[in-house]
């Protein structure tokens, strides 16, 4: 399966911006799926997927801060 680049965005968390790249994928049945690749650092990425770009943007805005907070908590403990 082949991904098509849709757009680029950013998420801001703790005074830092993280790049987000959105892609479209056609399933074998012809349906569209979308994925977001959030770059946290070199070799460190979060990948999310959903049925629409709008829904994916909303999930990204919620999950990136939560993921970063969890990582911070595990380093302290």
N, C-alpha and C. Protein backbone atom coordinates (compact mmCIF):
# COMPACT_ATOMS: atom_id res chain seq x y z
N UNK A 1 0.84 -1.18 0.00
CA UNK A 1 0.00 0.00 0.00
C UNK A 1 0.88 1.24 0.00
N UNK A 2 0.38 2.27 -0.62
CA UNK A 2 1.16 3.47 -0.84
C UNK A 2 0.52 4.66 -0.12
N UNK A 3 1.32 5.41 0.63
CA UNK A 3 0.82 6.59 1.34
C UNK A 3 1.01 7.83 0.47
N UNK A 4 0.03 8.72 0.51
CA UNK A 4 0.12 9.99 -0.21
C UNK A 4 0.17 11.11 0.83
N UNK A 5 1.15 11.98 0.68
CA UNK A 5 1.28 13.12 1.60
C UNK A 5 0.08 14.05 1.42
N UNK A 6 -0.53 14.47 2.55
CA UNK A 6 -1.69 15.35 2.52
C UNK A 6 -1.31 16.77 2.93
N UNK A 7 -0.70 16.90 4.11
CA UNK A 7 -0.32 18.23 4.60
C UNK A 7 0.62 18.09 5.78
N UNK A 8 1.15 19.23 6.18
CA UNK A 8 2.02 19.28 7.34
C UNK A 8 1.39 20.23 8.36
N UNK A 9 1.59 19.93 9.62
CA UNK A 9 1.08 20.77 10.69
C UNK A 9 2.04 20.74 11.86
N UNK A 10 1.57 21.22 12.99
CA UNK A 10 2.40 21.23 14.19
C UNK A 10 1.50 21.15 15.43
N UNK A 11 2.05 20.60 16.48
CA UNK A 11 1.39 20.55 17.78
C UNK A 11 2.33 21.22 18.76
N UNK A 12 1.78 22.11 19.58
CA UNK A 12 2.61 22.77 20.58
C UNK A 12 2.29 22.21 21.95
N UNK A 13 3.36 21.91 22.70
CA UNK A 13 3.20 21.35 24.04
C UNK A 13 4.42 21.74 24.86
N UNK A 14 4.19 22.29 26.04
CA UNK A 14 5.28 22.71 26.93
C UNK A 14 6.26 23.64 26.23
N UNK A 15 5.72 24.61 25.52
CA UNK A 15 6.51 25.62 24.81
C UNK A 15 7.43 25.03 23.74
N UNK A 16 7.09 23.86 23.21
CA UNK A 16 7.83 23.26 22.11
C UNK A 16 6.85 22.89 21.01
N UNK A 17 7.32 23.04 19.77
CA UNK A 17 6.51 22.66 18.61
C UNK A 17 7.01 21.33 18.06
N UNK A 18 6.07 20.47 17.72
CA UNK A 18 6.39 19.18 17.15
C UNK A 18 5.74 19.09 15.78
N UNK A 19 6.53 18.71 14.79
CA UNK A 19 6.03 18.61 13.42
C UNK A 19 5.09 17.41 13.29
N UNK A 20 4.02 17.61 12.51
CA UNK A 20 3.06 16.55 12.24
C UNK A 20 2.87 16.47 10.72
N UNK A 21 3.06 15.29 10.17
CA UNK A 21 2.83 15.07 8.74
C UNK A 21 1.63 14.15 8.60
N UNK A 22 0.70 14.55 7.73
CA UNK A 22 -0.52 13.79 7.50
C UNK A 22 -0.44 13.08 6.15
N UNK A 23 -0.91 11.82 6.13
CA UNK A 23 -0.87 11.00 4.92
C UNK A 23 -2.23 10.36 4.69
N UNK A 24 -2.51 10.06 3.43
CA UNK A 24 -3.71 9.32 3.06
C UNK A 24 -3.28 7.97 2.51
N UNK A 25 -4.06 6.96 2.84
CA UNK A 25 -3.79 5.60 2.39
C UNK A 25 -5.09 5.00 1.86
N UNK A 26 -5.03 4.35 0.75
CA UNK A 26 -6.19 3.62 0.22
C UNK A 26 -6.08 2.17 0.66
N UNK A 27 -7.15 1.66 1.25
CA UNK A 27 -7.17 0.27 1.69
C UNK A 27 -7.41 -0.63 0.47
N UNK A 28 -7.18 -1.93 0.62
CA UNK A 28 -7.47 -2.85 -0.50
C UNK A 28 -8.93 -2.79 -0.97
N UNK A 29 -9.82 -2.37 -0.10
CA UNK A 29 -11.24 -2.24 -0.47
C UNK A 29 -11.57 -0.88 -1.06
N UNK A 30 -10.56 -0.01 -1.18
CA UNK A 30 -10.78 1.30 -1.80
C UNK A 30 -11.15 2.41 -0.83
N UNK A 31 -11.22 2.11 0.45
CA UNK A 31 -11.56 3.13 1.42
C UNK A 31 -10.34 3.97 1.73
N UNK A 32 -10.57 5.17 2.24
CA UNK A 32 -9.47 6.06 2.63
C UNK A 32 -9.23 5.97 4.13
N UNK A 33 -7.97 5.90 4.48
CA UNK A 33 -7.53 5.99 5.88
C UNK A 33 -6.47 7.07 5.94
N UNK A 34 -6.38 7.72 7.07
CA UNK A 34 -5.42 8.81 7.23
C UNK A 34 -4.51 8.50 8.40
N UNK A 35 -3.26 8.89 8.28
CA UNK A 35 -2.32 8.70 9.37
C UNK A 35 -1.57 9.99 9.62
N UNK A 36 -1.12 10.15 10.86
CA UNK A 36 -0.33 11.31 11.26
C UNK A 36 0.97 10.79 11.85
N UNK A 37 2.06 11.39 11.43
CA UNK A 37 3.37 11.05 11.96
C UNK A 37 3.89 12.27 12.71
N UNK A 38 4.01 12.15 14.03
CA UNK A 38 4.46 13.24 14.88
C UNK A 38 5.92 12.98 15.22
N UNK A 39 6.78 13.92 14.86
CA UNK A 39 8.21 13.77 15.07
C UNK A 39 8.58 14.41 16.41
N UNK A 40 8.97 13.58 17.39
CA UNK A 40 9.35 14.08 18.71
C UNK A 40 10.85 14.34 18.79
N UNK A 41 11.62 13.63 18.02
CA UNK A 41 13.07 13.77 18.01
C UNK A 41 13.64 12.83 16.98
N UNK A 42 14.95 12.85 16.83
CA UNK A 42 15.58 11.94 15.88
C UNK A 42 15.25 10.48 16.20
N UNK A 43 14.61 9.80 15.30
CA UNK A 43 14.25 8.41 15.52
C UNK A 43 13.13 8.19 16.51
N UNK A 44 12.43 9.22 16.90
CA UNK A 44 11.35 9.12 17.89
C UNK A 44 10.07 9.70 17.29
N UNK A 45 9.14 8.82 16.95
CA UNK A 45 7.91 9.25 16.30
C UNK A 45 6.70 8.58 16.92
N UNK A 46 5.57 9.27 16.82
CA UNK A 46 4.28 8.71 17.19
C UNK A 46 3.48 8.64 15.89
N UNK A 47 2.82 7.52 15.65
CA UNK A 47 1.99 7.39 14.46
C UNK A 47 0.58 7.06 14.90
N UNK A 48 -0.37 7.86 14.42
CA UNK A 48 -1.79 7.69 14.72
C UNK A 48 -2.54 7.49 13.41
N UNK A 49 -3.71 6.86 13.45
CA UNK A 49 -4.52 6.77 12.25
C UNK A 49 -5.99 6.93 12.58
N UNK A 50 -6.77 7.32 11.55
CA UNK A 50 -8.19 7.56 11.73
C UNK A 50 -8.87 7.57 10.37
N UNK A 51 -10.19 7.75 10.38
CA UNK A 51 -10.98 7.76 9.14
C UNK A 51 -11.03 9.12 8.44
N UNK A 52 -10.71 10.21 9.16
CA UNK A 52 -10.75 11.54 8.55
C UNK A 52 -9.61 12.40 9.10
N UNK A 53 -9.22 13.39 8.33
CA UNK A 53 -8.14 14.27 8.76
C UNK A 53 -8.58 15.10 9.97
N UNK A 54 -9.81 15.58 9.95
CA UNK A 54 -10.31 16.39 11.07
C UNK A 54 -10.29 15.63 12.38
N UNK A 55 -10.76 14.41 12.35
CA UNK A 55 -10.75 13.57 13.54
C UNK A 55 -9.32 13.26 13.98
N UNK A 56 -8.46 13.04 13.02
CA UNK A 56 -7.06 12.76 13.30
C UNK A 56 -6.37 13.97 13.94
N UNK A 57 -6.67 15.16 13.46
CA UNK A 57 -6.10 16.37 14.06
C UNK A 57 -6.55 16.52 15.51
N UNK A 58 -7.81 16.24 15.79
CA UNK A 58 -8.32 16.32 17.16
C UNK A 58 -7.64 15.30 18.07
N UNK A 59 -7.47 14.07 17.59
CA UNK A 59 -6.79 13.04 18.37
C UNK A 59 -5.35 13.41 18.63
N UNK A 60 -4.69 13.97 17.62
CA UNK A 60 -3.30 14.38 17.76
C UNK A 60 -3.15 15.44 18.83
N UNK A 61 -4.05 16.42 18.82
CA UNK A 61 -4.00 17.51 19.81
C UNK A 61 -4.19 16.98 21.23
N UNK A 62 -4.95 15.91 21.41
CA UNK A 62 -5.16 15.33 22.73
C UNK A 62 -4.06 14.36 23.15
N UNK A 63 -3.61 13.53 22.22
CA UNK A 63 -2.72 12.44 22.58
C UNK A 63 -1.25 12.83 22.68
N UNK A 64 -0.80 13.80 21.91
CA UNK A 64 0.62 14.18 21.98
C UNK A 64 0.97 14.73 23.37
N UNK A 65 0.21 15.70 23.91
CA UNK A 65 0.54 16.17 25.27
C UNK A 65 0.47 15.05 26.31
N UNK A 66 -0.50 14.16 26.18
CA UNK A 66 -0.62 13.05 27.13
C UNK A 66 0.58 12.10 27.03
N UNK A 67 1.02 11.82 25.82
CA UNK A 67 2.17 10.95 25.61
C UNK A 67 3.44 11.56 26.20
N UNK A 68 3.63 12.85 25.94
CA UNK A 68 4.82 13.52 26.47
C UNK A 68 4.80 13.57 27.99
N UNK A 69 3.63 13.78 28.57
CA UNK A 69 3.51 13.81 30.03
C UNK A 69 3.82 12.43 30.62
N UNK A 70 3.33 11.37 30.00
CA UNK A 70 3.62 10.02 30.48
C UNK A 70 5.11 9.72 30.42
N UNK A 71 5.75 10.15 29.35
CA UNK A 71 7.20 9.93 29.24
C UNK A 71 7.96 10.68 30.32
N UNK A 72 7.51 11.89 30.64
CA UNK A 72 8.14 12.66 31.70
C UNK A 72 7.98 11.95 33.05
N UNK A 73 6.79 11.44 33.31
CA UNK A 73 6.54 10.76 34.58
C UNK A 73 7.37 9.50 34.72
N UNK A 74 7.58 8.76 33.65
CA UNK A 74 8.34 7.52 33.76
C UNK A 74 9.82 7.79 33.94
N UNK A 75 10.30 8.93 33.46
CA UNK A 75 11.73 9.28 33.67
C UNK A 75 11.99 9.67 35.11
N UNK A 76 11.02 10.28 35.76
CA UNK A 76 11.19 10.76 37.14
C UNK A 76 11.12 9.59 38.11
N UNK A 77 10.24 8.65 37.84
CA UNK A 77 10.02 7.54 38.77
C UNK A 77 11.15 6.55 38.81
